[in-house]
Amino acid sequence: MNNTAQIYDTHSARIQLTSLPASERPGYFSVTGVYLFACAFVIVWYIAAWTTYSQSAAFASMILVINSVFAAYLILSLRRLRHRIATQFVIEIAGDFLYFFELDQLSNERKYTRINLNEVVSCEYYPYQDSASLILTTAHEKTLDLPLWLMPGCGRVLIDHLKGRGFEILKVS
């Protein structure tokens, strides 16, 4: 899926926004680099524990235990990151409803949240480049956080559409 903003019909107000592919998302390569460095760090410390075992078994055992705990944390963190990277986000406005889809391409899970735009009482826009989001709150205290940073350029289409429908969007800086 490409990062697209499609306006199907302005009279029925149908809009669909799709997030960037994982490799094009902001920070993808820097986060990948950090995780590669951490994996190399684990390997180096396992080698250090192996080579120091002949001089001090207690010290080598301590290094092994601490490094194994770090490696376990790293593996769990990598699993979460892998799922986040494999998740595609789609925002769709169809009539009076806004749908937010999360499509996990690893497990083929599809979650969605639906909000009736007539029930939205506040819109807060956080315009930061690496974490831009739009938070919608309904009269029933239901909130929906839309990650616009994953849709650079397309987020503006959503904000303009909501302003066109009469929503007052509070820009939080």
N, C-alpha and C. Protein backbone atom coordinates (compact mmCIF):
# COMPACT_ATOMS: atom_id res chain seq x y z
N MET A 1 0.83 -1.18 0.00
CA MET A 1 0.00 0.00 0.00
C MET A 1 0.87 1.24 0.00
N ASN A 2 0.52 2.19 -0.78
CA ASN A 2 1.26 3.45 -0.82
C ASN A 2 0.62 4.44 0.12
N ASN A 3 1.39 5.45 0.46
CA ASN A 3 0.88 6.55 1.27
C ASN A 3 0.00 7.40 0.36
N THR A 4 -1.29 7.30 0.52
CA THR A 4 -2.18 8.01 -0.37
C THR A 4 -3.28 8.72 0.39
N ALA A 5 -3.75 9.77 -0.23
CA ALA A 5 -4.95 10.46 0.24
C ALA A 5 -5.92 10.43 -0.93
N GLN A 6 -6.95 9.66 -0.79
CA GLN A 6 -7.91 9.54 -1.87
C GLN A 6 -9.21 10.18 -1.46
N ILE A 7 -9.70 11.07 -2.29
CA ILE A 7 -11.01 11.68 -2.05
C ILE A 7 -11.94 11.10 -3.10
N TYR A 8 -12.86 10.26 -2.67
CA TYR A 8 -13.73 9.57 -3.59
C TYR A 8 -14.85 10.46 -4.12
N ASP A 9 -15.53 11.11 -3.21
CA ASP A 9 -16.68 11.90 -3.61
C ASP A 9 -16.87 12.99 -2.55
N THR A 10 -16.68 14.23 -2.94
CA THR A 10 -16.76 15.31 -1.96
C THR A 10 -18.18 15.53 -1.44
N HIS A 11 -19.19 15.10 -2.19
CA HIS A 11 -20.57 15.28 -1.73
C HIS A 11 -20.90 14.30 -0.61
N SER A 12 -20.43 13.08 -0.71
CA SER A 12 -20.70 12.11 0.35
C SER A 12 -19.59 12.12 1.40
N ALA A 13 -18.56 12.93 1.17
CA ALA A 13 -17.45 13.11 2.10
C ALA A 13 -16.75 11.79 2.40
N ARG A 14 -16.31 11.12 1.37
CA ARG A 14 -15.59 9.86 1.56
C ARG A 14 -14.12 10.09 1.28
N ILE A 15 -13.30 9.90 2.31
CA ILE A 15 -11.86 10.10 2.21
C ILE A 15 -11.17 8.86 2.78
N GLN A 16 -10.06 8.46 2.16
CA GLN A 16 -9.26 7.36 2.70
C GLN A 16 -7.79 7.76 2.71
N LEU A 17 -7.15 7.65 3.88
CA LEU A 17 -5.73 7.96 4.05
C LEU A 17 -5.01 6.68 4.47
N THR A 18 -3.88 6.42 3.86
CA THR A 18 -3.10 5.21 4.14
C THR A 18 -1.71 5.61 4.62
N SER A 19 -1.21 4.89 5.61
CA SER A 19 0.11 5.20 6.16
C SER A 19 1.23 4.80 5.21
N LEU A 20 2.39 5.35 5.47
CA LEU A 20 3.58 5.02 4.69
C LEU A 20 3.97 3.56 4.90
N PRO A 21 4.61 2.95 3.92
CA PRO A 21 5.20 1.62 4.15
C PRO A 21 6.29 1.74 5.22
N ALA A 22 6.58 0.66 5.91
CA ALA A 22 7.50 0.69 7.04
C ALA A 22 8.85 1.30 6.70
N SER A 23 9.41 0.96 5.56
CA SER A 23 10.76 1.44 5.22
C SER A 23 10.80 2.94 4.91
N GLU A 24 9.65 3.57 4.72
CA GLU A 24 9.61 5.00 4.42
C GLU A 24 9.16 5.84 5.60
N ARG A 25 8.87 5.20 6.73
CA ARG A 25 8.40 5.94 7.90
C ARG A 25 9.55 6.71 8.55
N PRO A 26 9.22 7.86 9.15
CA PRO A 26 10.27 8.64 9.82
C PRO A 26 10.94 7.83 10.93
N GLY A 27 12.26 7.84 10.95
CA GLY A 27 13.00 7.17 12.00
C GLY A 27 13.25 5.69 11.79
N TYR A 28 12.77 5.13 10.69
CA TYR A 28 12.90 3.69 10.48
C TYR A 28 14.36 3.24 10.47
N PHE A 29 15.20 3.92 9.70
CA PHE A 29 16.58 3.49 9.58
C PHE A 29 17.38 3.76 10.85
N SER A 30 17.08 4.84 11.55
CA SER A 30 17.81 5.11 12.80
C SER A 30 17.44 4.08 13.87
N VAL A 31 16.16 3.73 13.97
CA VAL A 31 15.74 2.72 14.94
C VAL A 31 16.34 1.35 14.58
N THR A 32 16.35 1.02 13.31
CA THR A 32 16.95 -0.23 12.87
C THR A 32 18.44 -0.25 13.20
N GLY A 33 19.12 0.86 13.01
CA GLY A 33 20.54 0.96 13.34
C GLY A 33 20.81 0.75 14.82
N VAL A 34 19.95 1.35 15.66
CA VAL A 34 20.11 1.20 17.11
C VAL A 34 19.95 -0.27 17.50
N TYR A 35 18.95 -0.94 16.95
CA TYR A 35 18.73 -2.35 17.28
C TYR A 35 19.88 -3.23 16.76
N LEU A 36 20.41 -2.93 15.60
CA LEU A 36 21.57 -3.68 15.10
C LEU A 36 22.78 -3.48 16.01
N PHE A 37 22.99 -2.25 16.46
CA PHE A 37 24.08 -1.98 17.39
C PHE A 37 23.88 -2.75 18.69
N ALA A 38 22.67 -2.78 19.20
CA ALA A 38 22.38 -3.50 20.45
C ALA A 38 22.63 -5.01 20.28
N CYS A 39 22.26 -5.56 19.12
CA CYS A 39 22.52 -6.99 18.87
C CYS A 39 24.02 -7.25 18.81
N ALA A 40 24.77 -6.37 18.18
CA ALA A 40 26.23 -6.50 18.13
C ALA A 40 26.81 -6.40 19.54
N PHE A 41 26.25 -5.52 20.35
CA PHE A 41 26.67 -5.34 21.73
C PHE A 41 26.49 -6.64 22.51
N VAL A 42 25.37 -7.31 22.33
CA VAL A 42 25.11 -8.59 23.00
C VAL A 42 26.15 -9.63 22.58
N ILE A 43 26.42 -9.71 21.30
CA ILE A 43 27.40 -10.68 20.81
C ILE A 43 28.79 -10.40 21.39
N VAL A 44 29.19 -9.14 21.42
CA VAL A 44 30.50 -8.78 21.97
C VAL A 44 30.60 -9.18 23.43
N TRP A 45 29.54 -8.95 24.21
CA TRP A 45 29.59 -9.30 25.63
C TRP A 45 29.56 -10.80 25.85
N TYR A 46 28.90 -11.56 24.98
CA TYR A 46 28.99 -13.03 25.09
C TYR A 46 30.42 -13.49 24.82
N ILE A 47 31.06 -12.88 23.84
CA ILE A 47 32.46 -13.22 23.53
C ILE A 47 33.36 -12.83 24.72
N ALA A 48 33.08 -11.67 25.31
CA ALA A 48 33.87 -11.24 26.48
C ALA A 48 33.69 -12.21 27.64
N ALA A 49 32.49 -12.67 27.86
CA ALA A 49 32.25 -13.64 28.94
C ALA A 49 32.98 -14.95 28.65
N TRP A 50 32.96 -15.37 27.43
CA TRP A 50 33.63 -16.62 27.04
C TRP A 50 35.15 -16.52 27.25
N THR A 51 35.72 -15.38 26.86
CA THR A 51 37.18 -15.24 26.97
C THR A 51 37.63 -15.00 28.41
N THR A 52 36.81 -14.43 29.27
CA THR A 52 37.20 -14.18 30.65
C THR A 52 36.90 -15.37 31.57
N TYR A 53 36.26 -16.39 31.06
CA TYR A 53 35.89 -17.54 31.89
C TYR A 53 37.12 -18.23 32.49
N SER A 54 38.21 -18.31 31.73
CA SER A 54 39.41 -18.99 32.24
C SER A 54 40.07 -18.20 33.37
N GLN A 55 39.94 -16.87 33.38
CA GLN A 55 40.54 -16.06 34.45
C GLN A 55 39.62 -15.98 35.68
N SER A 56 38.32 -15.83 35.44
CA SER A 56 37.39 -15.68 36.57
C SER A 56 36.02 -16.20 36.17
N ALA A 57 35.69 -17.37 36.66
CA ALA A 57 34.41 -17.98 36.32
C ALA A 57 33.24 -17.18 36.90
N ALA A 58 33.44 -16.61 38.10
CA ALA A 58 32.36 -15.83 38.73
C ALA A 58 32.07 -14.58 37.92
N PHE A 59 33.12 -13.87 37.49
CA PHE A 59 32.93 -12.65 36.70
C PHE A 59 32.29 -12.98 35.34
N ALA A 60 32.76 -14.05 34.72
CA ALA A 60 32.18 -14.46 33.43
C ALA A 60 30.72 -14.85 33.59
N SER A 61 30.40 -15.53 34.69
CA SER A 61 29.00 -15.91 34.94
C SER A 61 28.12 -14.68 35.14
N MET A 62 28.67 -13.69 35.84
CA MET A 62 27.91 -12.45 36.05
C MET A 62 27.65 -11.75 34.70
N ILE A 63 28.67 -11.69 33.87
CA ILE A 63 28.50 -11.09 32.54
C ILE A 63 27.45 -11.86 31.75
N LEU A 64 27.50 -13.19 31.80
CA LEU A 64 26.53 -14.01 31.07
C LEU A 64 25.10 -13.75 31.54
N VAL A 65 24.90 -13.70 32.85
CA VAL A 65 23.55 -13.47 33.38
C VAL A 65 23.03 -12.10 32.99
N ILE A 66 23.83 -11.07 33.20
CA ILE A 66 23.40 -9.70 32.87
C ILE A 66 23.16 -9.57 31.37
N ASN A 67 24.06 -10.11 30.57
CA ASN A 67 23.90 -10.03 29.12
C ASN A 67 22.68 -10.82 28.65
N SER A 68 22.41 -11.95 29.30
CA SER A 68 21.24 -12.76 28.91
C SER A 68 19.94 -12.04 29.23
N VAL A 69 19.92 -11.32 30.36
CA VAL A 69 18.73 -10.52 30.69
C VAL A 69 18.53 -9.43 29.65
N PHE A 70 19.63 -8.76 29.30
CA PHE A 70 19.55 -7.72 28.27
C PHE A 70 19.12 -8.31 26.93
N ALA A 71 19.65 -9.47 26.57
CA ALA A 71 19.29 -10.12 25.30
C ALA A 71 17.81 -10.50 25.29
N ALA A 72 17.29 -10.99 26.42
CA ALA A 72 15.86 -11.34 26.50
C ALA A 72 15.00 -10.10 26.30
N TYR A 73 15.38 -9.01 26.97
CA TYR A 73 14.65 -7.75 26.80
C TYR A 73 14.71 -7.29 25.34
N LEU A 74 15.89 -7.40 24.73
CA LEU A 74 16.07 -6.99 23.34
C LEU A 74 15.19 -7.82 22.41
N ILE A 75 15.11 -9.12 22.65
CA ILE A 75 14.28 -9.99 21.80
C ILE A 75 12.81 -9.61 21.93
N LEU A 76 12.34 -9.39 23.16
CA LEU A 76 10.94 -8.97 23.34
C LEU A 76 10.67 -7.63 22.68
N SER A 77 11.60 -6.72 22.82
CA SER A 77 11.46 -5.41 22.21
C SER A 77 11.45 -5.51 20.68
N LEU A 78 12.30 -6.36 20.13
CA LEU A 78 12.33 -6.56 18.68
C LEU A 78 11.02 -7.17 18.16
N ARG A 79 10.41 -8.05 18.94
CA ARG A 79 9.13 -8.63 18.53
C ARG A 79 8.04 -7.56 18.46
N ARG A 80 8.01 -6.69 19.48
CA ARG A 80 7.02 -5.60 19.47
C ARG A 80 7.27 -4.66 18.30
N LEU A 81 8.54 -4.34 18.07
CA LEU A 81 8.90 -3.45 16.96
C LEU A 81 8.51 -4.07 15.62
N ARG A 82 8.74 -5.35 15.47
CA ARG A 82 8.40 -6.06 14.23
C ARG A 82 6.90 -5.96 13.94
N HIS A 83 6.08 -6.10 14.98
CA HIS A 83 4.63 -5.98 14.78
C HIS A 83 4.23 -4.54 14.46
N ARG A 84 4.88 -3.57 15.12
CA ARG A 84 4.57 -2.18 14.82
C ARG A 84 4.95 -1.82 13.40
N ILE A 85 6.09 -2.33 12.95
CA ILE A 85 6.54 -2.05 11.60
C ILE A 85 5.61 -2.70 10.58
N ALA A 86 5.10 -3.88 10.90
CA ALA A 86 4.24 -4.61 9.97
C ALA A 86 2.78 -4.14 10.00
N THR A 87 2.49 -3.15 10.81
CA THR A 87 1.12 -2.65 10.91
C THR A 87 0.92 -1.49 9.95
N GLN A 88 -0.10 -1.62 9.13
CA GLN A 88 -0.50 -0.56 8.19
C GLN A 88 -1.72 0.14 8.78
N PHE A 89 -1.75 1.45 8.71
CA PHE A 89 -2.86 2.22 9.27
C PHE A 89 -3.65 2.88 8.15
N VAL A 90 -4.97 2.82 8.27
CA VAL A 90 -5.84 3.43 7.28
C VAL A 90 -6.90 4.24 8.03
N ILE A 91 -7.06 5.49 7.63
CA ILE A 91 -8.12 6.35 8.17
C ILE A 91 -9.11 6.57 7.04
N GLU A 92 -10.36 6.31 7.32
CA GLU A 92 -11.38 6.47 6.29
C GLU A 92 -12.56 7.24 6.87
N ILE A 93 -13.01 8.22 6.12
CA ILE A 93 -14.23 8.95 6.48
C ILE A 93 -15.27 8.59 5.44
N ALA A 94 -16.36 8.03 5.93
CA ALA A 94 -17.48 7.67 5.05
C ALA A 94 -18.74 8.27 5.66
N GLY A 95 -19.22 9.32 5.07
CA GLY A 95 -20.41 10.00 5.60
C GLY A 95 -20.10 10.64 6.94
N ASP A 96 -20.86 10.26 7.96
CA ASP A 96 -20.69 10.82 9.29
C ASP A 96 -19.78 9.98 10.18
N PHE A 97 -19.15 8.97 9.64
CA PHE A 97 -18.32 8.08 10.45
C PHE A 97 -16.86 8.14 10.03
N LEU A 98 -15.99 8.09 11.03
CA LEU A 98 -14.56 7.99 10.80
C LEU A 98 -14.13 6.61 11.27
N TYR A 99 -13.45 5.89 10.40
CA TYR A 99 -12.94 4.55 10.70
C TYR A 99 -11.42 4.61 10.77
N PHE A 100 -10.86 3.98 11.78
CA PHE A 100 -9.41 3.88 11.91
C PHE A 100 -9.06 2.40 11.93
N PHE A 101 -8.43 1.93 10.85
CA PHE A 101 -8.08 0.53 10.69
C PHE A 101 -6.61 0.32 11.03
N GLU A 102 -6.31 -0.76 11.74
CA GLU A 102 -4.95 -1.21 11.98
C GLU A 102 -4.84 -2.60 11.37
N LEU A 103 -4.05 -2.73 10.33
CA LEU A 103 -3.91 -3.98 9.61
C LEU A 103 -2.54 -4.58 9.91
N ASP A 104 -2.52 -5.63 10.73
CA ASP A 104 -1.27 -6.31 11.07
C ASP A 104 -0.97 -7.32 9.97
N GLN A 105 0.07 -7.05 9.20
CA GLN A 105 0.38 -7.89 8.04
C GLN A 105 1.09 -9.18 8.43
N LEU A 106 1.58 -9.29 9.67
CA LEU A 106 2.21 -10.54 10.11
C LEU A 106 1.17 -11.58 10.50
N SER A 107 0.19 -11.17 11.27
CA SER A 107 -0.83 -12.12 11.75
C SER A 107 -2.15 -12.00 10.98
N ASN A 108 -2.19 -11.13 9.99
CA ASN A 108 -3.40 -10.86 9.21
C ASN A 108 -4.58 -10.47 10.09
N GLU A 109 -4.27 -9.82 11.22
CA GLU A 109 -5.31 -9.30 12.09
C GLU A 109 -5.75 -7.94 11.60
N ARG A 110 -7.02 -7.66 11.75
CA ARG A 110 -7.56 -6.37 11.33
C ARG A 110 -8.43 -5.82 12.45
N LYS A 111 -7.96 -4.73 13.03
CA LYS A 111 -8.72 -4.06 14.09
C LYS A 111 -9.22 -2.74 13.54
N TYR A 112 -10.38 -2.34 14.00
CA TYR A 112 -10.83 -1.01 13.59
C TYR A 112 -11.61 -0.37 14.72
N THR A 113 -11.60 0.95 14.67
CA THR A 113 -12.36 1.77 15.61
C THR A 113 -13.22 2.70 14.78
N ARG A 114 -14.46 2.86 15.21
CA ARG A 114 -15.38 3.73 14.48
C ARG A 114 -15.88 4.82 15.42
N ILE A 115 -15.88 6.04 14.91
CA ILE A 115 -16.39 7.18 15.68
C ILE A 115 -17.38 7.92 14.81
N ASN A 116 -18.51 8.25 15.41
CA ASN A 116 -19.50 9.08 14.74
C ASN A 116 -19.02 10.53 14.85
N LEU A 117 -18.79 11.16 13.71
CA LEU A 117 -18.26 12.53 13.72
C LEU A 117 -19.23 13.53 14.34
N ASN A 118 -20.52 13.20 14.36
CA ASN A 118 -21.50 14.10 14.99
C ASN A 118 -21.36 14.12 16.51
N GLU A 119 -20.69 13.09 17.08
CA GLU A 119 -20.51 13.01 18.53
C GLU A 119 -19.18 13.58 19.00
N VAL A 120 -18.32 14.00 18.09
CA VAL A 120 -17.01 14.53 18.46
C VAL A 120 -17.18 15.91 19.08
N VAL A 121 -16.60 16.07 20.29
CA VAL A 121 -16.72 17.35 20.99
C VAL A 121 -15.41 18.14 20.98
N SER A 122 -14.29 17.46 20.75
CA SER A 122 -13.03 18.20 20.67
C SER A 122 -12.04 17.49 19.74
N CYS A 123 -11.22 18.31 19.10
CA CYS A 123 -10.15 17.82 18.22
C CYS A 123 -8.87 18.53 18.64
N GLU A 124 -7.85 17.77 18.96
CA GLU A 124 -6.56 18.34 19.31
C GLU A 124 -5.54 17.86 18.30
N TYR A 125 -4.79 18.80 17.75
CA TYR A 125 -3.79 18.48 16.74
C TYR A 125 -2.41 18.75 17.31
N TYR A 126 -1.57 17.73 17.32
CA TYR A 126 -0.19 17.84 17.77
C TYR A 126 0.69 17.78 16.52
N PRO A 127 1.25 18.92 16.09
CA PRO A 127 1.89 19.00 14.77
C PRO A 127 3.36 18.59 14.71
N TYR A 128 3.89 17.95 15.72
CA TYR A 128 5.31 17.61 15.71
C TYR A 128 5.62 16.67 14.55
N GLN A 129 6.76 16.90 13.89
CA GLN A 129 7.10 16.17 12.68
C GLN A 129 7.23 14.67 12.91
N ASP A 130 7.85 14.26 14.02
CA ASP A 130 8.08 12.84 14.23
C ASP A 130 7.01 12.16 15.07
N SER A 131 6.01 12.90 15.52
CA SER A 131 4.94 12.29 16.31
C SER A 131 3.61 13.01 16.14
N ALA A 132 3.36 13.58 14.96
CA ALA A 132 2.12 14.32 14.73
C ALA A 132 0.91 13.41 14.92
N SER A 133 -0.07 13.92 15.61
CA SER A 133 -1.29 13.13 15.80
C SER A 133 -2.49 14.06 15.96
N LEU A 134 -3.63 13.47 15.72
CA LEU A 134 -4.90 14.17 15.88
C LEU A 134 -5.71 13.34 16.87
N ILE A 135 -6.13 13.95 17.96
CA ILE A 135 -6.89 13.24 18.98
C ILE A 135 -8.32 13.75 18.96
N LEU A 136 -9.24 12.84 18.70
CA LEU A 136 -10.67 13.15 18.68
C LEU A 136 -11.30 12.61 19.96
N THR A 137 -12.12 13.43 20.60
CA THR A 137 -12.82 13.02 21.81
C THR A 137 -14.32 13.18 21.58
N THR A 138 -15.08 12.14 21.95
CA THR A 138 -16.53 12.18 21.77
C THR A 138 -17.21 12.60 23.08
N ALA A 139 -18.50 12.80 22.99
CA ALA A 139 -19.28 13.18 24.16
C ALA A 139 -19.29 12.05 25.20
N HIS A 140 -19.03 10.82 24.78
CA HIS A 140 -19.02 9.67 25.68
C HIS A 140 -17.63 9.40 26.25
N GLU A 141 -16.72 10.39 26.16
CA GLU A 141 -15.36 10.31 26.66
C GLU A 141 -14.52 9.25 25.92
N LYS A 142 -14.95 8.87 24.75
CA LYS A 142 -14.16 7.96 23.93
C LYS A 142 -13.15 8.79 23.15
N THR A 143 -11.87 8.40 23.18
CA THR A 143 -10.86 9.14 22.45
C THR A 143 -10.25 8.24 21.37
N LEU A 144 -9.83 8.88 20.31
CA LEU A 144 -9.18 8.18 19.21
C LEU A 144 -7.96 8.98 18.80
N ASP A 145 -6.81 8.36 18.91
CA ASP A 145 -5.54 9.01 18.56
C ASP A 145 -5.15 8.55 17.16
N LEU A 146 -5.16 9.47 16.22
CA LEU A 146 -4.82 9.16 14.83
C LEU A 146 -3.36 9.54 14.57
N PRO A 147 -2.50 8.58 14.23
CA PRO A 147 -1.07 8.85 14.04
C PRO A 147 -0.79 9.48 12.67
N LEU A 148 -0.88 10.79 12.61
CA LEU A 148 -0.67 11.48 11.33
C LEU A 148 0.80 11.50 10.91
N TRP A 149 1.72 11.25 11.83
CA TRP A 149 3.14 11.25 11.47
C TRP A 149 3.46 10.11 10.52
N LEU A 150 2.60 9.09 10.49
CA LEU A 150 2.79 7.98 9.56
C LEU A 150 2.23 8.30 8.17
N MET A 151 1.60 9.45 8.05
CA MET A 151 0.96 9.85 6.81
C MET A 151 1.35 11.28 6.44
N PRO A 152 2.65 11.56 6.31
CA PRO A 152 3.02 12.95 6.03
C PRO A 152 2.41 13.43 4.72
N GLY A 153 1.91 14.63 4.77
CA GLY A 153 1.25 15.20 3.59
C GLY A 153 -0.23 14.87 3.54
N CYS A 154 -0.58 13.66 3.89
CA CYS A 154 -1.99 13.25 3.84
C CYS A 154 -2.76 13.74 5.07
N GLY A 155 -2.05 13.92 6.19
CA GLY A 155 -2.71 14.39 7.40
C GLY A 155 -3.36 15.74 7.21
N ARG A 156 -2.75 16.57 6.39
CA ARG A 156 -3.30 17.90 6.10
C ARG A 156 -4.66 17.77 5.42
N VAL A 157 -4.84 16.76 4.57
CA VAL A 157 -6.12 16.53 3.90
C VAL A 157 -7.21 16.26 4.93
N LEU A 158 -6.89 15.44 5.93
CA LEU A 158 -7.86 15.11 6.98
C LEU A 158 -8.22 16.35 7.79
N ILE A 159 -7.21 17.11 8.18
CA ILE A 159 -7.46 18.31 8.99
C ILE A 159 -8.29 19.32 8.21
N ASP A 160 -7.95 19.54 6.95
CA ASP A 160 -8.73 20.47 6.12
C ASP A 160 -10.16 19.99 5.95
N HIS A 161 -10.35 18.69 5.81
CA HIS A 161 -11.70 18.14 5.66
C HIS A 161 -12.52 18.37 6.93
N LEU A 162 -11.90 18.11 8.09
CA LEU A 162 -12.62 18.30 9.35
C LEU A 162 -12.94 19.78 9.58
N LYS A 163 -12.01 20.66 9.23
CA LYS A 163 -12.28 22.10 9.35
C LYS A 163 -13.42 22.50 8.42
N GLY A 164 -13.44 21.91 7.23
CA GLY A 164 -14.51 22.18 6.28
C GLY A 164 -15.87 21.72 6.78
N ARG A 165 -15.88 20.73 7.65
CA ARG A 165 -17.14 20.24 8.24
C ARG A 165 -17.52 21.03 9.48
N GLY A 166 -16.72 22.05 9.84
CA GLY A 166 -17.08 22.92 10.96
C GLY A 166 -16.41 22.57 12.28
N PHE A 167 -15.47 21.65 12.28
CA PHE A 167 -14.78 21.31 13.52
C PHE A 167 -13.73 22.37 13.86
N GLU A 168 -13.68 22.72 15.14
CA GLU A 168 -12.64 23.61 15.61
C GLU A 168 -11.49 22.74 16.12
N ILE A 169 -10.34 22.86 15.47
CA ILE A 169 -9.21 22.01 15.81
C ILE A 169 -8.20 22.82 16.61
N LEU A 170 -7.96 22.38 17.83
CA LEU A 170 -7.04 23.06 18.73
C LEU A 170 -5.63 22.55 18.43
N LYS A 171 -4.75 23.48 18.03
CA LYS A 171 -3.37 23.12 17.72
C LYS A 171 -2.55 23.22 19.01
N VAL A 172 -2.02 22.08 19.46
CA VAL A 172 -1.24 22.03 20.69
C VAL A 172 0.23 21.99 20.32
N SER A 173 0.99 22.98 20.79
CA SER A 173 2.41 23.04 20.45
C SER A 173 3.28 22.79 21.65
